[in-house]
Amino acid sequence: MLPGIVVLLFLLFGSGLAAAGHGVILLYHHVSDQTPPSTSVAPDRFEQHLQFLEQNDYQVWPLARLLESIYEKNGKLPDNVVAITFDDAYESVYHQAWPRLAERGWPFTVFVNSDAIDQGLSPYMDWSQLRELAEHDVAIENHSASHDHLLFREDGQTPAAWRQRVLADIERAQLRIKAETGHAPTMFAYPYGEDSAELAEIVSTAGYYGLTQRSGAVGQGTDPQAIPRFPMATGLDSLDRLELAVRSRPLPVISSHTEPAPTQGTIDELQTLELVLAPSPYRLESLACYSGDGKQLDLEVDRGDLLRLKVEVAGIGKPGRNRVNCTAPAADESGDFYWYAFQWVQLGPGSGRSID
C-alpha cells in the first residue's frame, strides 16, 4: 500500500463519500489454560466465543477477503463480518483452535515469527503443522522473523541502517514462509503490536497490510498499515466483551497529533492527544476517552465541519505500551459503539528498551 492511498482513503472518509461497510478482527495467541493468562484464552472459553458468533449469525470471513472488500471493493460487505487471527503460531492453535474452527468450516489466519519455528522452540508449531494448515486454506502470514521490538534502533545504528535491518527481518520471514508453505504473505502483524509511522512506511513500501493489537473495527477510513484487532485474553475474554467487540464500528478519526511528537515510535511524558474526527452517526454528547486502566480522561471539544478533540493524557503513561480508547454510542440506539484506540510506547523497564 502506498502512502498516497492512505491519504485518499482519509479524504474520502472525511467527505462522507466512503461506504459504511466495516468488519471486526479478533486476535488470539494461545488457546490453552496452561500458558500465560495475558496471552491466553482457555479452550472452553474459545468454544463459547465460537458458539456466540454462530448463534448470533456472524459471518466469519478470511482476513484477506475482509480487507480486500474494504480497501479494494468500495467497502461493500455486511455489518456482521468477523475475521479470526492468531499471532505467534503456538501449538495450541493447531491442537485446540483448528479442530473447533474446522468443524464449522470457518477460515482463520496465523501470523508466524519464523525464527522460532526454524529453531524448533516450544510451544510453537513446526513447519509440517503449518504446511498442513496451509493445505486446508488457513492463511499463514508474516509476523517478522525475530519477533523483536522492531521500532527501536540498536545502539549506534543510523536510521538508514535501522530501516535496512527491519526490512531484512521482515523479508527473512517472508522467504521462509513462502518456501515452506508455497504462499507469499501479503499481511504483516507488528510484533508486540508495536507500530509507528516509521515502521508503517516500511510495511507500506513492502506492499503489506499492517495489523496492530489495538481495539477497534476496520473500515474504509482505517489506515491500511495500522489495522486494529481486538485482543482476546484471560480477563478480557468475557462474552460481554466479545459482543462489545464484534458490534463495534470504526470511529472516523482522520488524523492524530501528540504533544510532544513521537521520536522513533516512542513518546515519553505524553501531555496531550489531539484527534480530528469526520462526521458520522454517533452520539457526540456521549463521546468519551479512557486510559488503558479504564480512567475517564478530560476532553476539550471544538465543533465544526470536522470535530477536533483534545484529550488530556498527562501522567497516565508508564514504561511499555500505553493506550487511549475513545468510544461513542451509535445514534441509531442499536447499542453499538464507535471505537478508536491510540497507542504509544514509553521508554523504561518493560518497554523492550531501557532509557539507560
Foldseek 3Di string as FASTA:
>chain_A
DAPVLLLVLLVCVQVVNADQAWFAEAEAAAQDPVDDQVRYHDLVLVLVLVVVCVVVVAAEDAPVVRVCCFRPVRRDDDLRYYAYEYEAQFCNCLVRVVVSCVVVPHEYEYAHQAQCQVVVHPRHDHLVSVLVVVVVVHHYAHAWNPLAQLLDDDVPADPVNSLVVRLVRRVVRQVVCCVSRVDRHQAYEYRVQQDDPSNLNSNVVVRHQYEGDAAAMDHSSDDSNYGYHDYDGVVQRDVVNSVQRRLAGAFAWSDKQWVVGDDSQADAQTFKMKTKGHDDQFDPVQKWKAWPVGHTWDWDWDDDNIIIIITGDGPRDDAAKIKMKIWTHGNVPPRHIHIDMDMGHYADPPRSHHPD
